[in-house]
Amino acid sequence: MVKIVLIGLMANLLLGAEIAENLYLKNACNSCHGIYGEGIGTSPRLQGRKEAALLRRLKDLQKGKTQTAFGTIMISFAKNLDENQTIEMARYLSITPPSKYLNF
């Protein structure tokens, strides 16, 4: 019974991560933040950051609050996420490990 519950939980986590990854790519987040959320130029690294911090930042952006001039671009992207997508995006980015291919 415990095995079945654990398998179900893992399946839900993997499905949620896959949905969030597709959302990340569909919304072109990778254009500025990199394919793995590693950050590009002045766009910050998102991968591996604390879920609570990412969630708070996304919710601030949805309210129109930003800390930088570049953040104004993010407001419209964040506002396009519903509450569930916002939570899944924060979770996905927090568990995305650094890519072994990005060790320059």
PDB file of N, CA and C in Angstrom:
ATOM      1  N   MET A   1       0.826  -1.202   0.000  1.00  0.00           N
ATOM      2  CA  MET A   1       0.000   0.000   0.000  1.00  0.00           C
ATOM      3  C   MET A   1       0.866   1.260   0.000  1.00  0.00           C
ATOM      4  N   VAL A   2       1.911   1.276   0.823  1.00  0.00           N
ATOM      5  CA  VAL A   2       2.802   2.434   0.892  1.00  0.00           C
ATOM      6  C   VAL A   2       3.489   2.655  -0.450  1.00  0.00           C
ATOM      7  N   LYS A   3       3.883   1.553  -1.112  1.00  0.00           N
ATOM      8  CA  LYS A   3       4.535   1.655  -2.418  1.00  0.00           C
ATOM      9  C   LYS A   3       3.608   2.312  -3.436  1.00  0.00           C
ATOM     10  N   ILE A   4       2.342   1.949  -3.410  1.00  0.00           N
ATOM     11  CA  ILE A   4       1.371   2.504  -4.352  1.00  0.00           C
ATOM     12  C   ILE A   4       1.206   4.003  -4.116  1.00  0.00           C
ATOM     13  N   VAL A   5       1.140   4.407  -2.866  1.00  0.00           N
ATOM     14  CA  VAL A   5       0.996   5.823  -2.535  1.00  0.00           C
ATOM     15  C   VAL A   5       2.232   6.587  -2.986  1.00  0.00           C
ATOM     16  N   LEU A   6       3.419   6.033  -2.728  1.00  0.00           N
ATOM     17  CA  LEU A   6       4.665   6.693  -3.129  1.00  0.00           C
ATOM     18  C   LEU A   6       4.777   6.809  -4.648  1.00  0.00           C
ATOM     19  N   ILE A   7       4.394   5.767  -5.340  1.00  0.00           N
ATOM     20  CA  ILE A   7       4.420   5.798  -6.802  1.00  0.00           C
ATOM     21  C   ILE A   7       3.454   6.871  -7.317  1.00  0.00           C
ATOM     22  N   GLY A   8       2.289   6.949  -6.723  1.00  0.00           N
ATOM     23  CA  GLY A   8       1.315   7.980  -7.106  1.00  0.00           C
ATOM     24  C   GLY A   8       1.842   9.378  -6.858  1.00  0.00           C
ATOM     25  N   LEU A   9       2.486   9.587  -5.724  1.00  0.00           N
ATOM     26  CA  LEU A   9       3.058  10.899  -5.415  1.00  0.00           C
ATOM     27  C   LEU A   9       4.160  11.267  -6.404  1.00  0.00           C
ATOM     28  N   MET A  10       5.029  10.315  -6.709  1.00  0.00           N
ATOM     29  CA  MET A  10       6.106  10.563  -7.672  1.00  0.00           C
ATOM     30  C   MET A  10       5.543  10.879  -9.050  1.00  0.00           C
ATOM     31  N   ALA A  11       4.518  10.155  -9.461  1.00  0.00           N
ATOM     32  CA  ALA A  11       3.894  10.405 -10.765  1.00  0.00           C
ATOM     33  C   ALA A  11       3.320  11.813 -10.815  1.00  0.00           C
ATOM     34  N   ASN A  12       2.663  12.244  -9.736  1.00  0.00           N
ATOM     35  CA  ASN A  12       2.107  13.599  -9.687  1.00  0.00           C
ATOM     36  C   ASN A  12       3.198  14.653  -9.751  1.00  0.00           C
ATOM     37  N   LEU A  13       4.305  14.437  -9.039  1.00  0.00           N
ATOM     38  CA  LEU A  13       5.415  15.385  -9.072  1.00  0.00           C
ATOM     39  C   LEU A  13       6.015  15.480 -10.460  1.00  0.00           C
ATOM     40  N   LEU A  14       6.231  14.335 -11.102  1.00  0.00           N
ATOM     41  CA  LEU A  14       6.801  14.328 -12.440  1.00  0.00           C
ATOM     42  C   LEU A  14       5.869  14.971 -13.451  1.00  0.00           C
ATOM     43  N   LEU A  15       4.584  14.690 -13.348  1.00  0.00           N
ATOM     44  CA  LEU A  15       3.608  15.285 -14.256  1.00  0.00           C
ATOM     45  C   LEU A  15       3.560  16.791 -14.051  1.00  0.00           C
ATOM     46  N   GLY A  16       3.556  17.231 -12.794  1.00  0.00           N
ATOM     47  CA  GLY A  16       3.558  18.659 -12.500  1.00  0.00           C
ATOM     48  C   GLY A  16       4.799  19.340 -13.039  1.00  0.00           C
ATOM     49  N   ALA A  17       5.959  18.696 -12.905  1.00  0.00           N
ATOM     50  CA  ALA A  17       7.211  19.261 -13.416  1.00  0.00           C
ATOM     51  C   ALA A  17       7.174  19.348 -14.937  1.00  0.00           C
ATOM     52  N   GLU A  18       6.616  18.324 -15.584  1.00  0.00           N
ATOM     53  CA  GLU A  18       6.532  18.334 -17.043  1.00  0.00           C
ATOM     54  C   GLU A  18       5.608  19.450 -17.524  1.00  0.00           C
ATOM     55  N   ILE A  19       4.488  19.630 -16.856  1.00  0.00           N
ATOM     56  CA  ILE A  19       3.554  20.709 -17.210  1.00  0.00           C
ATOM     57  C   ILE A  19       4.228  22.071 -17.027  1.00  0.00           C
ATOM     58  N   ALA A  20       4.920  22.245 -15.905  1.00  0.00           N
ATOM     59  CA  ALA A  20       5.585  23.523 -15.634  1.00  0.00           C
ATOM     60  C   ALA A  20       6.714  23.767 -16.626  1.00  0.00           C
ATOM     61  N   GLU A  21       7.451  22.717 -16.984  1.00  0.00           N
ATOM     62  CA  GLU A  21       8.524  22.872 -17.975  1.00  0.00           C
ATOM     63  C   GLU A  21       7.947  23.314 -19.315  1.00  0.00           C
ATOM     64  N   ASN A  22       6.842  22.684 -19.722  1.00  0.00           N
ATOM     65  CA  ASN A  22       6.186  23.079 -20.974  1.00  0.00           C
ATOM     66  C   ASN A  22       5.699  24.520 -20.901  1.00  0.00           C
ATOM     67  N   LEU A  23       5.165  24.919 -19.763  1.00  0.00           N
ATOM     68  CA  LEU A  23       4.702  26.288 -19.557  1.00  0.00           C
ATOM     69  C   LEU A  23       5.876  27.266 -19.640  1.00  0.00           C
ATOM     70  N   TYR A  24       6.987  26.899 -19.022  1.00  0.00           N
ATOM     71  CA  TYR A  24       8.208  27.716 -19.045  1.00  0.00           C
ATOM     72  C   TYR A  24       8.670  27.951 -20.483  1.00  0.00           C
ATOM     73  N   LEU A  25       8.676  26.894 -21.271  1.00  0.00           N
ATOM     74  CA  LEU A  25       9.117  27.005 -22.662  1.00  0.00           C
ATOM     75  C   LEU A  25       8.072  27.707 -23.533  1.00  0.00           C
ATOM     76  N   LYS A  26       6.789  27.378 -23.327  1.00  0.00           N
ATOM     77  CA  LYS A  26       5.703  27.977 -24.119  1.00  0.00           C
ATOM     78  C   LYS A  26       5.651  29.489 -23.934  1.00  0.00           C
ATOM     79  N   ASN A  27       5.897  29.946 -22.713  1.00  0.00           N
ATOM     80  CA  ASN A  27       5.868  31.378 -22.425  1.00  0.00           C
ATOM     81  C   ASN A  27       7.187  32.064 -22.736  1.00  0.00           C
ATOM     82  N   ALA A  28       8.124  31.324 -23.313  1.00  0.00           N
ATOM     83  CA  ALA A  28       9.425  31.844 -23.744  1.00  0.00           C
ATOM     84  C   ALA A  28      10.268  32.394 -22.591  1.00  0.00           C
ATOM     85  N   CYS A  29      10.077  31.852 -21.396  1.00  0.00           N
ATOM     86  CA  CYS A  29      10.898  32.262 -20.245  1.00  0.00           C
ATOM     87  C   CYS A  29      12.369  31.992 -20.541  1.00  0.00           C
ATOM     88  N   ASN A  30      12.608  30.912 -21.315  1.00  0.00           N
ATOM     89  CA  ASN A  30      13.966  30.521 -21.653  1.00  0.00           C
ATOM     90  C   ASN A  30      14.687  31.553 -22.514  1.00  0.00           C
ATOM     91  N   SER A  31      13.956  32.436 -23.169  1.00  0.00           N
ATOM     92  CA  SER A  31      14.579  33.462 -24.007  1.00  0.00           C
ATOM     93  C   SER A  31      15.478  34.387 -23.197  1.00  0.00           C
ATOM     94  N   CYS A  32      15.080  34.666 -21.976  1.00  0.00           N
ATOM     95  CA  CYS A  32      15.864  35.566 -21.119  1.00  0.00           C
ATOM     96  C   CYS A  32      16.551  34.836 -19.967  1.00  0.00           C
ATOM     97  N   HIS A  33      15.891  33.811 -19.445  1.00  0.00           N
ATOM     98  CA  HIS A  33      16.415  33.147 -18.252  1.00  0.00           C
ATOM     99  C   HIS A  33      17.178  31.866 -18.564  1.00  0.00           C
ATOM    100  N   GLY A  34      17.254  31.490 -19.850  1.00  0.00           N
ATOM    101  CA  GLY A  34      17.989  30.290 -20.237  1.00  0.00           C
ATOM    102  C   GLY A  34      17.108  29.056 -20.234  1.00  0.00           C
ATOM    103  N   ILE A  35      17.524  28.063 -20.989  1.00  0.00           N
ATOM    104  CA  ILE A  35      16.733  26.846 -21.164  1.00  0.00           C
ATOM    105  C   ILE A  35      16.497  26.120 -19.848  1.00  0.00           C
ATOM    106  N   TYR A  36      17.438  26.245 -18.917  1.00  0.00           N
ATOM    107  CA  TYR A  36      17.297  25.578 -17.625  1.00  0.00           C
ATOM    108  C   TYR A  36      17.031  26.562 -16.489  1.00  0.00           C
ATOM    109  N   GLY A  37      16.797  27.828 -16.832  1.00  0.00           N
ATOM    110  CA  GLY A  37      16.616  28.844 -15.802  1.00  0.00           C
ATOM    111  C   GLY A  37      17.929  29.307 -15.207  1.00  0.00           C
ATOM    112  N   GLU A  38      19.026  29.071 -15.934  1.00  0.00           N
ATOM    113  CA  GLU A  38      20.358  29.382 -15.429  1.00  0.00           C
ATOM    114  C   GLU A  38      20.702  30.869 -15.483  1.00  0.00           C
ATOM    115  N   GLY A  39      19.879  31.659 -16.164  1.00  0.00           N
ATOM    116  CA  GLY A  39      20.116  33.094 -16.279  1.00  0.00           C
ATOM    117  C   GLY A  39      20.986  33.404 -17.483  1.00  0.00           C
ATOM    118  N   ILE A  40      20.677  34.504 -18.129  1.00  0.00           N
ATOM    119  CA  ILE A  40      21.450  34.949 -19.285  1.00  0.00           C
ATOM    120  C   ILE A  40      21.669  36.448 -19.140  1.00  0.00           C
ATOM    121  N   GLY A  41      22.910  36.886 -19.236  1.00  0.00           N
ATOM    122  CA  GLY A  41      23.211  38.315 -19.130  1.00  0.00           C
ATOM    123  C   GLY A  41      22.679  38.899 -17.837  1.00  0.00           C
ATOM    124  N   THR A  42      21.838  39.939 -17.975  1.00  0.00           N
ATOM    125  CA  THR A  42      21.283  40.596 -16.790  1.00  0.00           C
ATOM    126  C   THR A  42      20.043  39.892 -16.241  1.00  0.00           C
ATOM    127  N   SER A  43      19.543  38.890 -16.974  1.00  0.00           N
ATOM    128  CA  SER A  43      18.380  38.132 -16.496  1.00  0.00           C
ATOM    129  C   SER A  43      18.854  37.148 -15.436  1.00  0.00           C
ATOM    130  N   PRO A  44      18.224  37.173 -14.272  1.00  0.00           N
ATOM    131  CA  PRO A  44      18.723  36.366 -13.159  1.00  0.00           C
ATOM    132  C   PRO A  44      18.525  34.858 -13.320  1.00  0.00           C
ATOM    133  N   ARG A  45      19.365  34.117 -12.624  1.00  0.00           N
ATOM    134  CA  ARG A  45      19.231  32.668 -12.526  1.00  0.00           C
ATOM    135  C   ARG A  45      17.997  32.380 -11.666  1.00  0.00           C
ATOM    136  N   LEU A  46      17.175  31.469 -12.120  1.00  0.00           N
ATOM    137  CA  LEU A  46      15.974  31.070 -11.386  1.00  0.00           C
ATOM    138  C   LEU A  46      16.095  29.643 -10.863  1.00  0.00           C
ATOM    139  N   GLN A  47      16.838  28.809 -11.563  1.00  0.00           N
ATOM    140  CA  GLN A  47      16.939  27.401 -11.181  1.00  0.00           C
ATOM    141  C   GLN A  47      17.570  27.251  -9.804  1.00  0.00           C
ATOM    142  N   GLY A  48      16.970  26.373  -9.027  1.00  0.00           N
ATOM    143  CA  GLY A  48      17.520  26.058  -7.725  1.00  0.00           C
ATOM    144  C   GLY A  48      17.261  27.082  -6.633  1.00  0.00           C
ATOM    145  N   ARG A  49      16.569  28.159  -6.949  1.00  0.00           N
ATOM    146  CA  ARG A  49      16.242  29.140  -5.908  1.00  0.00           C
ATOM    147  C   ARG A  49      15.123  28.594  -5.031  1.00  0.00           C
ATOM    148  N   LYS A  50      14.986  29.151  -3.862  1.00  0.00           N
ATOM    149  CA  LYS A  50      13.958  28.673  -2.932  1.00  0.00           C
ATOM    150  C   LYS A  50      12.564  28.921  -3.510  1.00  0.00           C
ATOM    151  N   GLU A  51      11.736  27.887  -3.401  1.00  0.00           N
ATOM    152  CA  GLU A  51      10.374  27.944  -3.945  1.00  0.00           C
ATOM    153  C   GLU A  51       9.595  29.125  -3.380  1.00  0.00           C
ATOM    154  N   ALA A  52       9.695  29.359  -2.083  1.00  0.00           N
ATOM    155  CA  ALA A  52       8.949  30.453  -1.450  1.00  0.00           C
ATOM    156  C   ALA A  52       9.372  31.806  -2.015  1.00  0.00           C
ATOM    157  N   ALA A  53      10.664  31.975  -2.266  1.00  0.00           N
ATOM    158  CA  ALA A  53      11.161  33.240  -2.815  1.00  0.00           C
ATOM    159  C   ALA A  53      10.682  33.441  -4.255  1.00  0.00           C
ATOM    160  N   LEU A  54      10.712  32.372  -5.042  1.00  0.00           N
ATOM    161  CA  LEU A  54      10.226  32.453  -6.423  1.00  0.00           C
ATOM    162  C   LEU A  54       8.732  32.750  -6.460  1.00  0.00           C
ATOM    163  N   LEU A  55       7.985  32.088  -5.602  1.00  0.00           N
ATOM    164  CA  LEU A  55       6.542  32.302  -5.542  1.00  0.00           C
ATOM    165  C   LEU A  55       6.218  33.735  -5.135  1.00  0.00           C
ATOM    166  N   ARG A  56       6.907  34.228  -4.137  1.00  0.00           N
ATOM    167  CA  ARG A  56       6.697  35.614  -3.676  1.00  0.00           C
ATOM    168  C   ARG A  56       7.014  36.602  -4.802  1.00  0.00           C
ATOM    169  N   ARG A  57       8.104  36.355  -5.526  1.00  0.00           N
ATOM    170  CA  ARG A  57       8.500  37.247  -6.622  1.00  0.00           C
ATOM    171  C   ARG A  57       7.451  37.231  -7.737  1.00  0.00           C
ATOM    172  N   LEU A  58       6.988  36.041  -8.101  1.00  0.00           N
ATOM    173  CA  LEU A  58       5.970  35.949  -9.144  1.00  0.00           C
ATOM    174  C   LEU A  58       4.678  36.654  -8.729  1.00  0.00           C
ATOM    175  N   LYS A  59       4.287  36.481  -7.488  1.00  0.00           N
ATOM    176  CA  LYS A  59       3.057  37.133  -7.004  1.00  0.00           C
ATOM    177  C   LYS A  59       3.221  38.656  -6.960  1.00  0.00           C
ATOM    178  N   ASP A  60       4.402  39.138  -6.584  1.00  0.00           N
ATOM    179  CA  ASP A  60       4.667  40.581  -6.618  1.00  0.00           C
ATOM    180  C   ASP A  60       4.554  41.111  -8.043  1.00  0.00           C
ATOM    181  N   LEU A  61       5.130  40.378  -8.986  1.00  0.00           N
ATOM    182  CA  LEU A  61       5.050  40.788 -10.391  1.00  0.00           C
ATOM    183  C   LEU A  61       3.605  40.810 -10.871  1.00  0.00           C
ATOM    184  N   GLN A  62       2.814  39.843 -10.440  1.00  0.00           N
ATOM    185  CA  GLN A  62       1.405  39.802 -10.824  1.00  0.00           C
ATOM    186  C   GLN A  62       0.636  41.006 -10.284  1.00  0.00           C
ATOM    187  N   LYS A  63       1.119  41.571  -9.182  1.00  0.00           N
ATOM    188  CA  LYS A  63       0.509  42.779  -8.605  1.00  0.00           C
ATOM    189  C   LYS A  63       1.094  44.049  -9.207  1.00  0.00           C
ATOM    190  N   GLY A  64       2.042  43.892 -10.147  1.00  0.00           N
ATOM    191  CA  GLY A  64       2.663  45.044 -10.793  1.00  0.00           C
ATOM    192  C   GLY A  64       3.864  45.588 -10.046  1.00  0.00           C
ATOM    193  N   LYS A  65       4.328  44.871  -9.031  1.00  0.00           N
ATOM    194  CA  LYS A  65       5.479  45.318  -8.251  1.00  0.00           C
ATOM    195  C   LYS A  65       6.758  44.747  -8.847  1.00  0.00           C
ATOM    196  N   THR A  66       7.739  45.610  -9.037  1.00  0.00           N
ATOM    197  CA  THR A  66       9.030  45.160  -9.538  1.00  0.00           C
ATOM    198  C   THR A  66      10.143  45.948  -8.858  1.00  0.00           C
ATOM    199  N   GLN A  67      11.320  45.364  -8.836  1.00  0.00           N
ATOM    200  CA  GLN A  67      12.458  45.982  -8.170  1.00  0.00           C
ATOM    201  C   GLN A  67      13.431  46.607  -9.159  1.00  0.00           C
ATOM    202  N   THR A  68      13.271  46.292 -10.435  1.00  0.00           N
ATOM    203  CA  THR A  68      14.201  46.798 -11.449  1.00  0.00           C
ATOM    204  C   THR A  68      13.442  47.270 -12.680  1.00  0.00           C
ATOM    205  N   ALA A  69      14.112  48.042 -13.491  1.00  0.00           N
ATOM    206  CA  ALA A  69      13.512  48.504 -14.746  1.00  0.00           C
ATOM    207  C   ALA A  69      13.243  47.321 -15.675  1.00  0.00           C
ATOM    208  N   PHE A  70      14.131  46.335 -15.661  1.00  0.00           N
ATOM    209  CA  PHE A  70      13.938  45.158 -16.501  1.00  0.00           C
ATOM    210  C   PHE A  70      12.751  44.314 -16.026  1.00  0.00           C
ATOM    211  N   GLY A  71      12.402  44.436 -14.761  1.00  0.00           N
ATOM    212  CA  GLY A  71      11.295  43.677 -14.194  1.00  0.00           C
ATOM    213  C   GLY A  71       9.957  44.038 -14.795  1.00  0.00           C
ATOM    214  N   THR A  72       9.836  45.227 -15.377  1.00  0.00           N
ATOM    215  CA  THR A  72       8.561  45.625 -15.968  1.00  0.00           C
ATOM    216  C   THR A  72       8.153  44.684 -17.099  1.00  0.00           C
ATOM    217  N   ILE A  73       9.113  44.122 -17.790  1.00  0.00           N
ATOM    218  CA  ILE A  73       8.816  43.152 -18.851  1.00  0.00           C
ATOM    219  C   ILE A  73       8.164  41.909 -18.254  1.00  0.00           C
ATOM    220  N   MET A  74       8.607  41.543 -17.075  1.00  0.00           N
ATOM    221  CA  MET A  74       8.122  40.327 -16.421  1.00  0.00           C
ATOM    222  C   MET A  74       6.679  40.439 -15.923  1.00  0.00           C
ATOM    223  N   ILE A  75       6.213  41.638 -15.700  1.00  0.00           N
ATOM    224  CA  ILE A  75       4.860  41.819 -15.161  1.00  0.00           C
ATOM    225  C   ILE A  75       3.812  41.170 -16.063  1.00  0.00           C
ATOM    226  N   SER A  76       3.888  41.422 -17.357  1.00  0.00           N
ATOM    227  CA  SER A  76       2.888  40.838 -18.265  1.00  0.00           C
ATOM    228  C   SER A  76       3.011  39.325 -18.340  1.00  0.00           C
ATOM    229  N   PHE A  77       4.232  38.809 -18.296  1.00  0.00           N
ATOM    230  CA  PHE A  77       4.417  37.359 -18.312  1.00  0.00           C
ATOM    231  C   PHE A  77       3.816  36.733 -17.054  1.00  0.00           C
ATOM    232  N   ALA A  78       4.098  37.329 -15.905  1.00  0.00           N
ATOM    233  CA  ALA A  78       3.593  36.798 -14.629  1.00  0.00           C
ATOM    234  C   ALA A  78       2.072  36.877 -14.556  1.00  0.00           C
ATOM    235  N   LYS A  79       1.505  37.946 -15.070  1.00  0.00           N
ATOM    236  CA  LYS A  79       0.048  38.109 -15.029  1.00  0.00           C
ATOM    237  C   LYS A  79      -0.674  37.081 -15.895  1.00  0.00           C
ATOM    238  N   ASN A  80       0.023  36.498 -16.862  1.00  0.00           N
ATOM    239  CA  ASN A  80      -0.586  35.480 -17.720  1.00  0.00           C
ATOM    240  C   ASN A  80      -0.688  34.119 -17.046  1.00  0.00           C
ATOM    241  N   LEU A  81      -0.050  33.966 -15.890  1.00  0.00           N
ATOM    242  CA  LEU A  81      -0.112  32.696 -15.152  1.00  0.00           C
ATOM    243  C   LEU A  81      -1.291  32.720 -14.188  1.00  0.00           C
ATOM    244  N   ASP A  82      -2.060  31.630 -14.164  1.00  0.00           N
ATOM    245  CA  ASP A  82      -3.103  31.545 -13.144  1.00  0.00           C
ATOM    246  C   ASP A  82      -2.452  31.101 -11.828  1.00  0.00           C
ATOM    247  N   GLU A  83      -3.234  31.024 -10.776  1.00  0.00           N
ATOM    248  CA  GLU A  83      -2.675  30.722  -9.451  1.00  0.00           C
ATOM    249  C   GLU A  83      -1.964  29.365  -9.424  1.00  0.00           C
ATOM    250  N   ASN A  84      -2.579  28.367 -10.037  1.00  0.00           N
ATOM    251  CA  ASN A  84      -1.981  27.034 -10.086  1.00  0.00           C
ATOM    252  C   ASN A  84      -0.675  27.036 -10.867  1.00  0.00           C
ATOM    253  N   GLN A  85      -0.663  27.702 -12.011  1.00  0.00           N
ATOM    254  CA  GLN A  85       0.536  27.775 -12.838  1.00  0.00           C
ATOM    255  C   GLN A  85       1.657  28.507 -12.108  1.00  0.00           C
ATOM    256  N   THR A  86       1.306  29.526 -11.351  1.00  0.00           N
ATOM    257  CA  THR A  86       2.294  30.285 -10.592  1.00  0.00           C
ATOM    258  C   THR A  86       2.980  29.385  -9.569  1.00  0.00           C
ATOM    259  N   ILE A  87       2.186  28.597  -8.875  1.00  0.00           N
ATOM    260  CA  ILE A  87       2.722  27.675  -7.873  1.00  0.00           C
ATOM    261  C   ILE A  87       3.589  26.610  -8.538  1.00  0.00           C
ATOM    262  N   GLU A  88       3.113  26.042  -9.629  1.00  0.00           N
ATOM    263  CA  GLU A  88       3.867  24.997 -10.333  1.00  0.00           C
ATOM    264  C   GLU A  88       5.171  25.549 -10.902  1.00  0.00           C
ATOM    265  N   MET A  89       5.143  26.762 -11.413  1.00  0.00           N
ATOM    266  CA  MET A  89       6.353  27.368 -11.978  1.00  0.00           C
ATOM    267  C   MET A  89       7.403  27.570 -10.888  1.00  0.00           C
ATOM    268  N   ALA A  90       6.985  28.082  -9.748  1.00  0.00           N
ATOM    269  CA  ALA A  90       7.925  28.287  -8.632  1.00  0.00           C
ATOM    270  C   ALA A  90       8.498  26.948  -8.174  1.00  0.00           C
ATOM    271  N   ARG A  91       7.654  25.939  -8.083  1.00  0.00           N
ATOM    272  CA  ARG A  91       8.110  24.606  -7.658  1.00  0.00           C
ATOM    273  C   ARG A  91       9.095  24.033  -8.678  1.00  0.00           C
ATOM    274  N   TYR A  92       8.732  24.108  -9.949  1.00  0.00           N
ATOM    275  CA  TYR A  92       9.579  23.566 -11.022  1.00  0.00           C
ATOM    276  C   TYR A  92      10.965  24.204 -11.008  1.00  0.00           C
ATOM    277  N   LEU A  93      11.001  25.526 -10.952  1.00  0.00           N
ATOM    278  CA  LEU A  93      12.296  26.209 -10.988  1.00  0.00           C
ATOM    279  C   LEU A  93      13.126  25.921  -9.747  1.00  0.00           C
ATOM    280  N   SER A  94      12.473  25.730  -8.618  1.00  0.00           N
ATOM    281  CA  SER A  94      13.212  25.464  -7.384  1.00  0.00           C
ATOM    282  C   SER A  94      13.859  24.080  -7.386  1.00  0.00           C
ATOM    283  N   ILE A  95      13.292  23.130  -8.115  1.00  0.00           N
ATOM    284  CA  ILE A  95      13.857  21.782  -8.134  1.00  0.00           C
ATOM    285  C   ILE A  95      14.671  21.495  -9.388  1.00  0.00           C
ATOM    286  N   THR A  96      14.764  22.450 -10.306  1.00  0.00           N
ATOM    287  CA  THR A  96      15.539  22.244 -11.523  1.00  0.00           C
ATOM    288  C   THR A  96      17.019  22.295 -11.174  1.00  0.00           C
ATOM    289  N   PRO A  97      17.713  21.180 -11.358  1.00  0.00           N
ATOM    290  CA  PRO A  97      19.132  21.149 -11.011  1.00  0.00           C
ATOM    291  C   PRO A  97      19.972  21.851 -12.065  1.00  0.00           C
ATOM    292  N   PRO A  98      21.130  22.364 -11.676  1.00  0.00           N
ATOM    293  CA  PRO A  98      22.034  22.951 -12.677  1.00  0.00           C
ATOM    294  C   PRO A  98      22.387  21.908 -13.725  1.00  0.00           C
ATOM    295  N   SER A  99      22.460  22.333 -14.968  1.00  0.00           N
ATOM    296  CA  SER A  99      22.771  21.415 -16.044  1.00  0.00           C
ATOM    297  C   SER A  99      24.258  21.104 -16.064  1.00  0.00           C
ATOM    298  N   LYS A 100      24.587  19.848 -16.297  1.00  0.00           N
ATOM    299  CA  LYS A 100      25.989  19.457 -16.398  1.00  0.00           C
ATOM    300  C   LYS A 100      26.608  20.033 -17.668  1.00  0.00           C
ATOM    301  N   TYR A 101      25.776  20.480 -18.604  1.00  0.00           N
ATOM    302  CA  TYR A 101      26.267  21.024 -19.858  1.00  0.00           C
ATOM    303  C   TYR A 101      26.620  22.505 -19.760  1.00  0.00           C
ATOM    304  N   LEU A 102      26.358  23.116 -18.626  1.00  0.00           N
ATOM    305  CA  LEU A 102      26.599  24.544 -18.488  1.00  0.00           C
ATOM    306  C   LEU A 102      27.862  24.861 -17.700  1.00  0.00           C
ATOM    307  N   ASN A 103      28.720  23.889 -17.521  1.00  0.00           N
ATOM    308  CA  ASN A 103      29.965  24.108 -16.787  1.00  0.00           C
ATOM    309  C   ASN A 103      31.037  24.596 -17.751  1.00  0.00           C
ATOM    310  N   PHE A 104      31.058  25.899 -17.991  1.00  0.00           N
ATOM    311  CA  PHE A 104      32.018  26.478 -18.944  1.00  0.00           C
ATOM    312  C   PHE A 104      33.359  26.631 -18.293  1.00  0.00           C
TER     313      PHE A 104
END
